[in-house]
Amino acid sequence: MSSKANHPYHLVDLSPWPLVGAISALVLAVGAIMYMYEIDNGIVLIIGFLMSLGTMAVWWRDVIREGEHEGHHTTTVQLGLRYGMALFIASEVMFFVAWFWAFFDASLFSGEAIQVARVEFTGGHWPPQGVEVFDAWHLPLVNTIILLTSGTTVTWAHHALKENKRGGLIWGLVLTVLLGLTFTAIQAYEYAHAAFGFTDGIYSSTFFMATGFHGAHVIIGSIFLIVCLGRAMVGHFKPDHHFGFEAAAWYWHFVDVVWLFLFVAVYYWGGLGGTVHGG
């Protein structure tokens, strides 16, 4: 049997990582449930988390090897990877639609008579009575500027890569990662000084679910870009072959766009008429 394929597709070798990943996800889910119900102190959750991280690391290592060293990522395969990433981002859009839906349902229908408990809490208007909201033109605006700037720097890195300017690629990624980490630090500070907690009612729960999951995506995107930075420093990406970086850039731009919706809908519009925290 010839070792050279007569087609442009990549038929992957047998791999243990799908099975190991499924087991890791099961341990992680069971651990999360046990922790939330106080069955244990989080040991199973930590084990599942570490197993999942390890599986992702070795699985993606194999994908990088297939593309960089074994030449399996042909133009046809790269097209399939692009479709896959586009569909993944589309699924992420639907994920955030759910949290925006919850927020708008609560805010637009805060006085809905059939929602007795909601009306009792909100007083029939939004933001609910007694809730101190964030000033959209303070830290949220700073974070908006930071995230939009990071979108510019990752685009700079992408264009530098396409022109085979390694210095521009690396420095663009360094700045993007630093801006992403700064955004996360500011949001952590904001959460620590919030006038409401997650369990303080429908306003706080919808606020933290929407902004918190976005914050988690910023952390994931930052890790994605850190991996790309490491790969760029060892010369993995080429002007005509760099989908790994391209996928990270797509994801980062998606995170940017979601934040713009959060800033306008949740921080600005959702806080109109409310008492500003510290104001």
Foldseek 3Di string as FASTA:
>chain_A
DDPDDPDLADDDDDDCLVVLLVVLVVQLVVLVVCCVVVVDVRPSNVSSVVSNVVSVVVVVVVVLCCVQPVPNCDPVNLVVVVVVLVVVLVVVVVVLVVLVVLVCVCAVAQPPPVPPVSCVQQVRHFPRPPAAAAQLPPLVVVLLVLLVVLLVLLVQLLVCQLVPNLVSVLVSLVSSLVSLVVSLVSVVVVQVPGPDDCPRDSLNVSLCVNVVVLNVLSVVLSVLSVVVSVCSVVPRGHNVRDVSSVSSSVSSVSSSVSSVCCSVVNRPVRCPPHHHVVD
